[in-house]
Amino acid sequence: MRTQPPGPAGVPVFGNSRQYARDPFTFLTSVADAYGDVARFDLGPIETYMVTNPADIERVLVTEDAKYHKPDFQDDAIGTLLGDGLLLSE
């Protein structure tokens, strides 16, 4: 059985999106400080994982990238706005 990484509790429907929208840097920093190298939170209906350890980031983006997929909506919804940068790369 898989377990979820720890993370802040959100409110129904909005998850943690209000906290994130208020101050993204402070929210993400506080999540990393409170929950460690891998954390989970919801931005509205979107289940979000944050990885902060450099070795883990390399594993997710390079070494074992085939195991980790981003939802297709990211390409459709914000791909045009953000282009082909690191945020949307597979």
C-alpha atoms as a PDB file:
ATOM      1  CA  MET A   1       0.000   0.000   0.000  1.00  0.00           C
ATOM      2  CA  ARG A   2       1.317   3.436  -0.945  1.00  0.00           C
ATOM      3  CA  THR A   3       1.338   6.219   1.575  1.00  0.00           C
ATOM      4  CA  GLN A   4       0.992   9.896   0.789  1.00  0.00           C
ATOM      5  CA  PRO A   5       3.745  12.338   1.735  1.00  0.00           C
ATOM      6  CA  PRO A   6       2.820  14.684   4.584  1.00  0.00           C
ATOM      7  CA  GLY A   7       1.474  18.136   3.919  1.00  0.00           C
ATOM      8  CA  PRO A   8      -0.808  20.897   5.132  1.00  0.00           C
ATOM      9  CA  ALA A   9      -4.525  20.278   5.374  1.00  0.00           C
ATOM     10  CA  GLY A  10      -6.545  22.347   2.958  1.00  0.00           C
ATOM     11  CA  VAL A  11     -10.173  23.347   2.898  1.00  0.00           C
ATOM     12  CA  PRO A  12     -12.773  21.548   0.764  1.00  0.00           C
ATOM     13  CA  VAL A  13     -12.813  22.549  -2.917  1.00  0.00           C
ATOM     14  CA  PHE A  14     -10.020  25.138  -2.597  1.00  0.00           C
ATOM     15  CA  GLY A  15      -7.397  22.998  -0.882  1.00  0.00           C
ATOM     16  CA  ASN A  16      -4.416  25.228  -0.104  1.00  0.00           C
ATOM     17  CA  SER A  17      -4.920  27.536  -3.084  1.00  0.00           C
ATOM     18  CA  ARG A  18      -5.853  30.551  -0.961  1.00  0.00           C
ATOM     19  CA  GLN A  19      -2.679  30.257   1.114  1.00  0.00           C
ATOM     20  CA  TYR A  20      -0.635  29.826  -2.057  1.00  0.00           C
ATOM     21  CA  ALA A  21      -2.293  32.763  -3.827  1.00  0.00           C
ATOM     22  CA  ARG A  22      -1.766  35.068  -0.858  1.00  0.00           C
ATOM     23  CA  ASP A  23       2.028  34.573  -0.877  1.00  0.00           C
ATOM     24  CA  PRO A  24       3.432  31.682  -2.957  1.00  0.00           C
ATOM     25  CA  PHE A  25       7.017  31.976  -1.709  1.00  0.00           C
ATOM     26  CA  THR A  26       6.031  32.039   1.961  1.00  0.00           C
ATOM     27  CA  PHE A  27       3.588  29.165   1.498  1.00  0.00           C
ATOM     28  CA  LEU A  28       6.098  26.928  -0.303  1.00  0.00           C
ATOM     29  CA  THR A  29       8.883  27.780   2.151  1.00  0.00           C
ATOM     30  CA  SER A  30       6.671  27.019   5.134  1.00  0.00           C
ATOM     31  CA  VAL A  31       5.575  23.704   3.589  1.00  0.00           C
ATOM     32  CA  ALA A  32       9.202  22.695   3.012  1.00  0.00           C
ATOM     33  CA  ASP A  33      10.178  23.728   6.544  1.00  0.00           C
ATOM     34  CA  ALA A  34       7.254  21.918   8.159  1.00  0.00           C
ATOM     35  CA  TYR A  35       7.075  18.746   6.058  1.00  0.00           C
ATOM     36  CA  GLY A  36      10.571  18.115   4.725  1.00  0.00           C
ATOM     37  CA  ASP A  37      11.959  17.094   1.344  1.00  0.00           C
ATOM     38  CA  VAL A  38       8.716  15.740  -0.135  1.00  0.00           C
ATOM     39  CA  ALA A  39       5.338  17.263   0.634  1.00  0.00           C
ATOM     40  CA  ARG A  40       1.822  17.034  -0.747  1.00  0.00           C
ATOM     41  CA  PHE A  41      -0.848  19.723  -0.909  1.00  0.00           C
ATOM     42  CA  ASP A  42      -3.904  20.572  -2.977  1.00  0.00           C
ATOM     43  CA  LEU A  43      -4.238  23.614  -5.212  1.00  0.00           C
ATOM     44  CA  GLY A  44      -7.967  23.532  -5.741  1.00  0.00           C
ATOM     45  CA  PRO A  45      -8.758  20.107  -7.188  1.00  0.00           C
ATOM     46  CA  ILE A  46      -5.120  19.531  -8.197  1.00  0.00           C
ATOM     47  CA  GLU A  47      -3.086  17.168  -6.038  1.00  0.00           C
ATOM     48  CA  THR A  48       0.397  18.724  -5.917  1.00  0.00           C
ATOM     49  CA  TYR A  49       3.727  17.294  -4.793  1.00  0.00           C
ATOM     50  CA  MET A  50       6.738  19.412  -3.912  1.00  0.00           C
ATOM     51  CA  VAL A  51      10.254  17.950  -3.956  1.00  0.00           C
ATOM     52  CA  THR A  52      13.060  20.075  -2.510  1.00  0.00           C
ATOM     53  CA  ASN A  53      16.049  17.759  -2.061  1.00  0.00           C
ATOM     54  CA  PRO A  54      18.438  18.187  -5.041  1.00  0.00           C
ATOM     55  CA  ALA A  55      19.104  14.433  -5.338  1.00  0.00           C
ATOM     56  CA  ASP A  56      15.364  13.714  -5.363  1.00  0.00           C
ATOM     57  CA  ILE A  57      14.760  16.453  -7.931  1.00  0.00           C
ATOM     58  CA  GLU A  58      17.391  14.888 -10.193  1.00  0.00           C
ATOM     59  CA  ARG A  59      15.746  11.490  -9.770  1.00  0.00           C
ATOM     60  CA  VAL A  60      12.297  12.854 -10.683  1.00  0.00           C
ATOM     61  CA  LEU A  61      13.445  15.001 -13.614  1.00  0.00           C
ATOM     62  CA  VAL A  62      16.357  12.969 -15.004  1.00  0.00           C
ATOM     63  CA  THR A  63      17.185   9.516 -13.646  1.00  0.00           C
ATOM     64  CA  GLU A  64      13.680   8.061 -13.250  1.00  0.00           C
ATOM     65  CA  ASP A  65      11.687  10.616 -15.223  1.00  0.00           C
ATOM     66  CA  ALA A  66       9.612   7.933 -16.978  1.00  0.00           C
ATOM     67  CA  LYS A  67       8.005   7.064 -13.633  1.00  0.00           C
ATOM     68  CA  TYR A  68       6.717  10.596 -13.024  1.00  0.00           C
ATOM     69  CA  HIS A  69       4.122  12.249 -15.229  1.00  0.00           C
ATOM     70  CA  LYS A  70       2.489  15.621 -15.087  1.00  0.00           C
ATOM     71  CA  PRO A  71      -1.204  15.868 -15.933  1.00  0.00           C
ATOM     72  CA  ASP A  72      -2.036  16.769 -19.528  1.00  0.00           C
ATOM     73  CA  PHE A  73      -4.053  19.816 -18.480  1.00  0.00           C
ATOM     74  CA  GLN A  74      -0.807  21.624 -17.711  1.00  0.00           C
ATOM     75  CA  ASP A  75       0.211  21.586 -21.346  1.00  0.00           C
ATOM     76  CA  ASP A  76      -3.239  22.605 -22.506  1.00  0.00           C
ATOM     77  CA  ALA A  77      -4.163  25.176 -19.878  1.00  0.00           C
ATOM     78  CA  ILE A  78      -0.908  26.990 -19.216  1.00  0.00           C
ATOM     79  CA  GLY A  79       1.515  25.630 -21.788  1.00  0.00           C
ATOM     80  CA  THR A  80       0.807  28.456 -24.189  1.00  0.00           C
ATOM     81  CA  LEU A  81       1.362  31.018 -21.467  1.00  0.00           C
ATOM     82  CA  LEU A  82       4.557  29.544 -19.991  1.00  0.00           C
ATOM     83  CA  GLY A  83       6.131  27.891 -23.023  1.00  0.00           C
ATOM     84  CA  ASP A  84       8.443  24.878 -22.837  1.00  0.00           C
ATOM     85  CA  GLY A  85      10.354  25.722 -19.667  1.00  0.00           C
ATOM     86  CA  LEU A  86      11.387  23.519 -16.749  1.00  0.00           C
ATOM     87  CA  LEU A  87       8.021  23.881 -15.029  1.00  0.00           C
ATOM     88  CA  LEU A  88       6.189  22.041 -17.809  1.00  0.00           C
ATOM     89  CA  SER A  89       8.957  19.737 -18.987  1.00  0.00           C
ATOM     90  CA  GLU A  90       8.441  15.984 -18.882  1.00  0.00           C
END
